[in-house]
PDB file of N, CA and C in Angstrom:
ATOM      1  N   MET A   1      98.889-178.655 -69.497  1.00  0.00           N
ATOM      2  CA  MET A   1      97.382-178.951 -69.674  1.00  0.00           C
ATOM      3  C   MET A   1      97.082-178.008 -70.738  1.00  0.00           C
ATOM      4  N   LYS A   2      96.161-178.627 -71.565  1.00  0.00           N
ATOM      5  CA  LYS A   2      95.447-177.822 -72.755  1.00  0.00           C
ATOM      6  C   LYS A   2      93.885-177.753 -72.277  1.00  0.00           C
ATOM      7  N   HIS A   3      93.377-176.767 -72.870  1.00  0.00           N
ATOM      8  CA  HIS A   3      91.996-176.423 -72.565  1.00  0.00           C
ATOM      9  C   HIS A   3      91.103-177.073 -73.679  1.00  0.00           C
ATOM     10  N   PHE A   4      90.026-177.760 -73.309  1.00  0.00           N
ATOM     11  CA  PHE A   4      89.225-178.403 -74.222  1.00  0.00           C
ATOM     12  C   PHE A   4      87.628-178.041 -74.119  1.00  0.00           C
ATOM     13  N   ARG A   5      86.837-178.081 -75.184  1.00  0.00           N
ATOM     14  CA  ARG A   5      85.528-177.987 -75.142  1.00  0.00           C
ATOM     15  C   ARG A   5      84.998-179.185 -75.609  1.00  0.00           C
ATOM     16  N   VAL A   6      83.904-179.701 -74.827  1.00  0.00           N
ATOM     17  CA  VAL A   6      83.336-181.127 -75.092  1.00  0.00           C
ATOM     18  C   VAL A   6      81.985-180.756 -75.327  1.00  0.00           C
ATOM     19  N   ASN A   7      81.384-181.109 -76.321  1.00  0.00           N
ATOM     20  CA  ASN A   7      79.880-181.091 -76.565  1.00  0.00           C
ATOM     21  C   ASN A   7      79.218-182.549 -76.318  1.00  0.00           C
ATOM     22  N   VAL A   8      78.241-182.484 -75.466  1.00  0.00           N
ATOM     23  CA  VAL A   8      77.477-183.737 -75.128  1.00  0.00           C
ATOM     24  C   VAL A   8      76.064-183.468 -75.410  1.00  0.00           C
ATOM     25  N   HIS A   9      75.464-184.585 -75.974  1.00  0.00           N
ATOM     26  CA  HIS A   9      73.983-184.658 -76.041  1.00  0.00           C
ATOM     27  C   HIS A   9      73.440-185.807 -75.261  1.00  0.00           C
ATOM     28  N   ILE A  10      72.523-185.477 -74.398  1.00  0.00           N
ATOM     29  CA  ILE A  10      71.824-186.475 -73.490  1.00  0.00           C
ATOM     30  C   ILE A  10      70.256-186.525 -73.926  1.00  0.00           C
ATOM     31  N   VAL A  11      69.824-187.642 -74.291  1.00  0.00           N
ATOM     32  CA  VAL A  11      68.518-187.980 -74.710  1.00  0.00           C
ATOM     33  C   VAL A  11      67.857-189.057 -74.026  1.00  0.00           C
ATOM     34  N   PRO A  12      66.498-189.151 -73.854  1.00  0.00           N
ATOM     35  CA  PRO A  12      65.858-190.145 -73.386  1.00  0.00           C
ATOM     36  C   PRO A  12      66.065-191.457 -74.202  1.00  0.00           C
ATOM     37  N   ARG A  13      66.111-192.677 -73.544  1.00  0.00           N
ATOM     38  CA  ARG A  13      66.410-193.789 -74.190  1.00  0.00           C
ATOM     39  C   ARG A  13      65.254-193.996 -75.066  1.00  0.00           C
ATOM     40  N   LYS A  14      65.484-194.715 -76.295  1.00  0.00           N
ATOM     41  CA  LYS A  14      64.379-195.067 -77.191  1.00  0.00           C
ATOM     42  C   LYS A  14      63.562-196.118 -76.523  1.00  0.00           C
ATOM     43  N   GLY A  15      62.253-196.018 -76.756  1.00  0.00           N
ATOM     44  CA  GLY A  15      61.358-196.857 -76.269  1.00  0.00           C
ATOM     45  C   GLY A  15      60.725-196.522 -74.909  1.00  0.00           C
ATOM     46  N   LEU A  16      61.369-195.431 -74.323  1.00  0.00           N
ATOM     47  CA  LEU A  16      60.895-195.044 -72.903  1.00  0.00           C
ATOM     48  C   LEU A  16      59.907-193.845 -73.224  1.00  0.00           C
ATOM     49  N   LEU A  17      58.922-193.548 -72.289  1.00  0.00           N
ATOM     50  CA  LEU A  17      58.091-192.458 -72.447  1.00  0.00           C
ATOM     51  C   LEU A  17      58.791-191.151 -72.427  1.00  0.00           C
ATOM     52  N   ASP A  18      58.692-190.231 -73.360  1.00  0.00           N
ATOM     53  CA  ASP A  18      59.166-189.047 -73.439  1.00  0.00           C
ATOM     54  C   ASP A  18      57.931-187.865 -73.662  1.00  0.00           C
ATOM     55  N   PRO A  19      57.242-187.549 -72.365  1.00  0.00           N
ATOM     56  CA  PRO A  19      56.195-186.726 -72.666  1.00  0.00           C
ATOM     57  C   PRO A  19      56.506-185.401 -73.186  1.00  0.00           C
ATOM     58  N   GLN A  20      57.615-184.719 -72.998  1.00  0.00           N
ATOM     59  CA  GLN A  20      58.016-183.570 -73.752  1.00  0.00           C
ATOM     60  C   GLN A  20      58.203-183.825 -75.155  1.00  0.00           C
ATOM     61  N   GLY A  21      58.785-184.863 -75.506  1.00  0.00           N
ATOM     62  CA  GLY A  21      59.006-185.132 -76.961  1.00  0.00           C
ATOM     63  C   GLY A  21      57.657-185.326 -77.665  1.00  0.00           C
ATOM     64  N   LYS A  22      56.848-186.044 -76.995  1.00  0.00           N
ATOM     65  CA  LYS A  22      55.519-186.268 -77.488  1.00  0.00           C
ATOM     66  C   LYS A  22      54.540-185.035 -77.641  1.00  0.00           C
ATOM     67  N   ALA A  23      54.763-183.997 -76.641  1.00  0.00           N
ATOM     68  CA  ALA A  23      54.059-182.806 -76.735  1.00  0.00           C
ATOM     69  C   ALA A  23      54.693-182.048 -78.086  1.00  0.00           C
ATOM     70  N   VAL A  24      55.905-182.000 -78.171  1.00  0.00           N
ATOM     71  CA  VAL A  24      56.436-181.293 -79.234  1.00  0.00           C
ATOM     72  C   VAL A  24      56.109-181.834 -80.602  1.00  0.00           C
ATOM     73  N   GLY A  25      56.190-183.271 -80.661  1.00  0.00           N
ATOM     74  CA  GLY A  25      55.691-183.906 -81.917  1.00  0.00           C
ATOM     75  C   GLY A  25      54.338-183.656 -82.244  1.00  0.00           C
ATOM     76  N   ASP A  26      53.390-183.664 -81.308  1.00  0.00           N
ATOM     77  CA  ASP A  26      51.935-183.377 -81.467  1.00  0.00           C
ATOM     78  C   ASP A  26      51.788-181.956 -81.955  1.00  0.00           C
ATOM     79  N   ALA A  27      52.512-181.099 -81.283  1.00  0.00           N
ATOM     80  CA  ALA A  27      52.275-179.632 -81.831  1.00  0.00           C
ATOM     81  C   ALA A  27      52.804-179.436 -83.248  1.00  0.00           C
ATOM     82  N   LEU A  28      53.865-180.066 -83.587  1.00  0.00           N
ATOM     83  CA  LEU A  28      54.468-179.998 -85.088  1.00  0.00           C
ATOM     84  C   LEU A  28      53.438-180.546 -85.980  1.00  0.00           C
ATOM     85  N   HIS A  29      52.830-181.600 -85.738  1.00  0.00           N
ATOM     86  CA  HIS A  29      51.828-182.233 -86.496  1.00  0.00           C
ATOM     87  C   HIS A  29      50.608-181.399 -86.746  1.00  0.00           C
ATOM     88  N   THR A  30      50.231-180.662 -85.578  1.00  0.00           N
ATOM     89  CA  THR A  30      49.051-179.670 -85.821  1.00  0.00           C
ATOM     90  C   THR A  30      49.484-178.600 -86.660  1.00  0.00           C
ATOM     91  N   LEU A  31      50.725-178.217 -86.758  1.00  0.00           N
ATOM     92  CA  LEU A  31      51.207-177.048 -87.488  1.00  0.00           C
ATOM     93  C   LEU A  31      51.354-177.591 -88.961  1.00  0.00           C
ATOM     94  N   GLY A  32      51.050-178.832 -89.189  1.00  0.00           N
ATOM     95  CA  GLY A  32      51.283-179.329 -90.641  1.00  0.00           C
ATOM     96  C   GLY A  32      52.391-180.029 -91.051  1.00  0.00           C
ATOM     97  N   PHE A  33      53.374-180.266 -90.034  1.00  0.00           N
ATOM     98  CA  PHE A  33      54.542-181.137 -90.266  1.00  0.00           C
ATOM     99  C   PHE A  33      54.318-182.645 -90.302  1.00  0.00           C
ATOM    100  N   THR A  34      53.452-183.032 -91.337  1.00  0.00           N
ATOM    101  CA  THR A  34      53.099-184.436 -91.269  1.00  0.00           C
ATOM    102  C   THR A  34      54.073-185.599 -91.598  1.00  0.00           C
ATOM    103  N   ALA A  35      55.175-185.262 -92.032  1.00  0.00           N
ATOM    104  CA  ALA A  35      56.187-186.167 -92.382  1.00  0.00           C
ATOM    105  C   ALA A  35      56.909-186.420 -90.873  1.00  0.00           C
ATOM    106  N   LEU A  36      56.775-185.779 -89.926  1.00  0.00           N
ATOM    107  CA  LEU A  36      57.561-185.977 -88.794  1.00  0.00           C
ATOM    108  C   LEU A  36      57.152-187.281 -88.224  1.00  0.00           C
ATOM    109  N   ARG A  37      58.175-188.128 -87.813  1.00  0.00           N
ATOM    110  CA  ARG A  37      57.971-189.524 -87.276  1.00  0.00           C
ATOM    111  C   ARG A  37      57.987-189.421 -85.706  1.00  0.00           C
ATOM    112  N   ASP A  38      59.008-188.756 -85.124  1.00  0.00           N
ATOM    113  CA  ASP A  38      59.372-188.874 -83.675  1.00  0.00           C
ATOM    114  C   ASP A  38      60.149-187.849 -83.364  1.00  0.00           C
ATOM    115  N   VAL A  39      59.936-187.274 -81.985  1.00  0.00           N
ATOM    116  CA  VAL A  39      60.859-186.195 -81.424  1.00  0.00           C
ATOM    117  C   VAL A  39      61.284-186.713 -80.202  1.00  0.00           C
ATOM    118  N   HIS A  40      62.459-186.508 -79.978  1.00  0.00           N
ATOM    119  CA  HIS A  40      62.950-186.662 -78.491  1.00  0.00           C
ATOM    120  C   HIS A  40      63.613-185.268 -77.890  1.00  0.00           C
ATOM    121  N   VAL A  41      63.113-184.981 -76.641  1.00  0.00           N
ATOM    122  CA  VAL A  41      63.662-183.830 -76.193  1.00  0.00           C
ATOM    123  C   VAL A  41      64.838-184.081 -75.257  1.00  0.00           C
ATOM    124  N   GLY A  42      65.983-183.594 -75.379  1.00  0.00           N
ATOM    125  CA  GLY A  42      66.981-183.797 -74.379  1.00  0.00           C
ATOM    126  C   GLY A  42      67.855-182.580 -73.764  1.00  0.00           C
ATOM    127  N   ARG A  43      68.969-182.818 -73.639  1.00  0.00           N
ATOM    128  CA  ARG A  43      69.874-181.585 -73.084  1.00  0.00           C
ATOM    129  C   ARG A  43      71.154-181.687 -73.895  1.00  0.00           C
ATOM    130  N   TYR A  44      71.650-180.416 -74.049  1.00  0.00           N
ATOM    131  CA  TYR A  44      72.937-180.208 -74.806  1.00  0.00           C
ATOM    132  C   TYR A  44      73.821-179.502 -73.780  1.00  0.00           C
ATOM    133  N   LEU A  45      74.915-180.243 -73.548  1.00  0.00           N
ATOM    134  CA  LEU A  45      75.813-179.602 -72.709  1.00  0.00           C
ATOM    135  C   LEU A  45      77.190-179.324 -73.247  1.00  0.00           C
ATOM    136  N   VAL A  46      77.775-178.140 -72.796  1.00  0.00           N
ATOM    137  CA  VAL A  46      79.099-177.640 -73.334  1.00  0.00           C
ATOM    138  C   VAL A  46      80.003-177.622 -72.205  1.00  0.00           C
ATOM    139  N   ILE A  47      81.054-178.575 -72.013  1.00  0.00           N
ATOM    140  CA  ILE A  47      81.900-178.657 -70.817  1.00  0.00           C
ATOM    141  C   ILE A  47      83.306-178.110 -71.272  1.00  0.00           C
ATOM    142  N   GLU A  48      83.659-177.167 -70.526  1.00  0.00           N
ATOM    143  CA  GLU A  48      85.029-176.620 -70.816  1.00  0.00           C
ATOM    144  C   GLU A  48      85.916-176.964 -69.695  1.00  0.00           C
ATOM    145  N   MET A  49      87.147-177.626 -70.104  1.00  0.00           N
ATOM    146  CA  MET A  49      87.991-178.376 -68.978  1.00  0.00           C
ATOM    147  C   MET A  49      89.364-178.272 -69.530  1.00  0.00           C
ATOM    148  N   ALA A  50      90.378-178.671 -68.644  1.00  0.00           N
ATOM    149  CA  ALA A  50      91.651-178.829 -68.916  1.00  0.00           C
ATOM    150  C   ALA A  50      92.069-180.249 -68.893  1.00  0.00           C
ATOM    151  N   ALA A  51      92.867-180.669 -69.901  1.00  0.00           N
ATOM    152  CA  ALA A  51      93.235-181.998 -69.954  1.00  0.00           C
ATOM    153  C   ALA A  51      94.533-182.265 -70.641  1.00  0.00           C
ATOM    154  N   ALA A  52      95.241-183.415 -70.370  1.00  0.00           N
ATOM    155  CA  ALA A  52      96.409-183.448 -71.240  1.00  0.00           C
ATOM    156  C   ALA A  52      96.279-183.623 -72.772  1.00  0.00           C
ATOM    157  N   ASP A  53      95.288-184.267 -73.113  1.00  0.00           N
ATOM    158  CA  ASP A  53      94.968-184.316 -74.589  1.00  0.00           C
ATOM    159  C   ASP A  53      93.401-184.419 -74.771  1.00  0.00           C
ATOM    160  N   ALA A  54      93.066-184.532 -76.028  1.00  0.00           N
ATOM    161  CA  ALA A  54      91.478-184.680 -76.392  1.00  0.00           C
ATOM    162  C   ALA A  54      91.133-186.042 -75.838  1.00  0.00           C
ATOM    163  N   THR A  55      91.987-187.095 -75.945  1.00  0.00           N
ATOM    164  CA  THR A  55      91.415-188.251 -75.475  1.00  0.00           C
ATOM    165  C   THR A  55      91.148-188.327 -73.910  1.00  0.00           C
ATOM    166  N   ALA A  56      92.020-187.628 -73.216  1.00  0.00           N
ATOM    167  CA  ALA A  56      91.819-187.518 -71.680  1.00  0.00           C
ATOM    168  C   ALA A  56      90.595-186.857 -71.422  1.00  0.00           C
ATOM    169  N   ALA A  57      90.284-185.797 -72.338  1.00  0.00           N
ATOM    170  CA  ALA A  57      89.071-184.850 -72.042  1.00  0.00           C
ATOM    171  C   ALA A  57      87.872-185.694 -72.323  1.00  0.00           C
ATOM    172  N   GLU A  58      87.959-186.475 -73.442  1.00  0.00           N
ATOM    173  CA  GLU A  58      86.702-187.251 -73.707  1.00  0.00           C
ATOM    174  C   GLU A  58      86.524-188.347 -72.552  1.00  0.00           C
ATOM    175  N   THR A  59      87.585-189.005 -72.132  1.00  0.00           N
ATOM    176  CA  THR A  59      87.370-189.887 -71.077  1.00  0.00           C
ATOM    177  C   THR A  59      86.817-189.407 -69.820  1.00  0.00           C
ATOM    178  N   ALA A  60      87.281-188.272 -69.358  1.00  0.00           N
ATOM    179  CA  ALA A  60      86.765-187.592 -68.242  1.00  0.00           C
ATOM    180  C   ALA A  60      85.382-187.276 -68.398  1.00  0.00           C
ATOM    181  N   VAL A  61      84.817-186.769 -69.407  1.00  0.00           N
ATOM    182  CA  VAL A  61      83.626-186.342 -69.700  1.00  0.00           C
ATOM    183  C   VAL A  61      82.588-187.608 -69.755  1.00  0.00           C
ATOM    184  N   ARG A  62      83.179-188.666 -70.253  1.00  0.00           N
ATOM    185  CA  ARG A  62      82.332-189.995 -70.306  1.00  0.00           C
ATOM    186  C   ARG A  62      82.114-190.458 -68.978  1.00  0.00           C
ATOM    187  N   GLU A  63      83.054-190.164 -68.102  1.00  0.00           N
ATOM    188  CA  GLU A  63      82.870-190.690 -66.680  1.00  0.00           C
ATOM    189  C   GLU A  63      81.940-189.722 -65.940  1.00  0.00           C
ATOM    190  N   MET A  64      82.001-188.412 -66.270  1.00  0.00           N
ATOM    191  CA  MET A  64      81.039-187.520 -65.755  1.00  0.00           C
ATOM    192  C   MET A  64      79.641-187.880 -66.214  1.00  0.00           C
ATOM    193  N   CYS A  65      79.404-188.140 -67.315  1.00  0.00           N
ATOM    194  CA  CYS A  65      78.031-188.579 -67.785  1.00  0.00           C
ATOM    195  C   CYS A  65      77.662-189.836 -67.145  1.00  0.00           C
ATOM    196  N   ALA A  66      78.447-190.903 -67.191  1.00  0.00           N
ATOM    197  CA  ALA A  66      78.157-192.009 -66.519  1.00  0.00           C
ATOM    198  C   ALA A  66      77.797-192.019 -64.985  1.00  0.00           C
ATOM    199  N   ARG A  67      78.549-191.086 -64.143  1.00  0.00           N
ATOM    200  CA  ARG A  67      78.374-190.961 -62.896  1.00  0.00           C
ATOM    201  C   ARG A  67      77.359-190.154 -62.335  1.00  0.00           C
ATOM    202  N   LEU A  68      77.010-188.832 -63.265  1.00  0.00           N
ATOM    203  CA  LEU A  68      76.251-187.766 -62.820  1.00  0.00           C
ATOM    204  C   LEU A  68      75.316-187.183 -63.696  1.00  0.00           C
ATOM    205  N   LEU A  69      75.863-186.841 -64.805  1.00  0.00           N
ATOM    206  CA  LEU A  69      75.023-186.098 -65.955  1.00  0.00           C
ATOM    207  C   LEU A  69      73.982-186.698 -66.566  1.00  0.00           C
ATOM    208  N   ALA A  70      74.074-188.116 -66.830  1.00  0.00           N
ATOM    209  CA  ALA A  70      73.001-188.932 -67.440  1.00  0.00           C
ATOM    210  C   ALA A  70      72.616-189.892 -66.647  1.00  0.00           C
ATOM    211  N   ASN A  71      71.241-190.014 -66.434  1.00  0.00           N
ATOM    212  CA  ASN A  71      70.704-191.189 -65.662  1.00  0.00           C
ATOM    213  C   ASN A  71      70.704-192.526 -66.521  1.00  0.00           C
ATOM    214  N   PRO A  72      71.575-193.491 -65.954  1.00  0.00           N
ATOM    215  CA  PRO A  72      71.779-194.701 -66.891  1.00  0.00           C
ATOM    216  C   PRO A  72      70.548-195.516 -66.972  1.00  0.00           C
ATOM    217  N   VAL A  73      69.710-195.292 -66.297  1.00  0.00           N
ATOM    218  CA  VAL A  73      68.358-196.102 -66.563  1.00  0.00           C
ATOM    219  C   VAL A  73      67.464-195.472 -67.556  1.00  0.00           C
ATOM    220  N   THR A  74      67.378-194.117 -67.758  1.00  0.00           N
ATOM    221  CA  THR A  74      66.419-193.549 -68.670  1.00  0.00           C
ATOM    222  C   THR A  74      67.110-192.760 -69.815  1.00  0.00           C
ATOM    223  N   GLU A  75      68.506-192.517 -69.765  1.00  0.00           N
ATOM    224  CA  GLU A  75      69.044-191.673 -70.616  1.00  0.00           C
ATOM    225  C   GLU A  75      70.332-192.210 -71.357  1.00  0.00           C
ATOM    226  N   ASP A  76      70.519-191.970 -72.550  1.00  0.00           N
ATOM    227  CA  ASP A  76      71.708-192.203 -73.249  1.00  0.00           C
ATOM    228  C   ASP A  76      72.533-190.922 -73.505  1.00  0.00           C
ATOM    229  N   PHE A  77      73.741-190.937 -73.797  1.00  0.00           N
ATOM    230  CA  PHE A  77      74.651-189.859 -73.916  1.00  0.00           C
ATOM    231  C   PHE A  77      75.544-190.221 -75.132  1.00  0.00           C
ATOM    232  N   GLU A  78      75.872-188.977 -75.808  1.00  0.00           N
ATOM    233  CA  GLU A  78      76.756-189.039 -76.885  1.00  0.00           C
ATOM    234  C   GLU A  78      77.694-187.855 -76.738  1.00  0.00           C
ATOM    235  N   ILE A  79      78.955-188.159 -76.902  1.00  0.00           N
ATOM    236  CA  ILE A  79      79.910-187.097 -77.049  1.00  0.00           C
ATOM    237  C   ILE A  79      80.046-186.643 -78.580  1.00  0.00           C
ATOM    238  N   ALA A  80      79.536-185.432 -78.621  1.00  0.00           N
ATOM    239  CA  ALA A  80      79.388-185.019 -80.114  1.00  0.00           C
ATOM    240  C   ALA A  80      80.804-184.457 -80.476  1.00  0.00           C
ATOM    241  N   ALA A  81      81.429-183.846 -79.820  1.00  0.00           N
ATOM    242  CA  ALA A  81      82.848-183.160 -80.315  1.00  0.00           C
ATOM    243  C   ALA A  81      83.736-182.770 -79.123  1.00  0.00           C
ATOM    244  N   VAL A  82      85.078-183.012 -79.370  1.00  0.00           N
ATOM    245  CA  VAL A  82      86.019-182.582 -78.338  1.00  0.00           C
ATOM    246  C   VAL A  82      86.949-181.741 -79.203  1.00  0.00           C
ATOM    247  N   THR A  83      86.999-180.504 -78.860  1.00  0.00           N
ATOM    248  CA  THR A  83      88.016-179.462 -79.494  1.00  0.00           C
ATOM    249  C   THR A  83      88.729-178.688 -78.549  1.00  0.00           C
ATOM    250  N   ALA A  84      89.915-178.242 -79.066  1.00  0.00           N
ATOM    251  CA  ALA A  84      90.696-177.499 -78.358  1.00  0.00           C
ATOM    252  C   ALA A  84      90.008-175.945 -78.241  1.00  0.00           C
ATOM    253  N   ALA A  85      90.136-175.565 -76.931  1.00  0.00           N
ATOM    254  CA  ALA A  85      89.411-174.148 -76.671  1.00  0.00           C
ATOM    255  C   ALA A  85      90.412-173.133 -76.601  1.00  0.00           C
TER     256      ALA A  85
END
């Protein structure tokens, strides 16, 4: 088994209410960042694990996200990187 670090981004689904993102966006507009279109606030996870290879590590993390880490009704997730640790 090899050790892997998997980076995951979890964000609210587009079109759903994101009160925290709205608050951040409003604050940025107030500070003069007028070109800003939208802000989504989510979570960034770093998962360190053992797996046979990078594909197995990614598959396991996708299952973790689908079953526990991301709410399938309100959130989307993206595996940003799988690297050997």
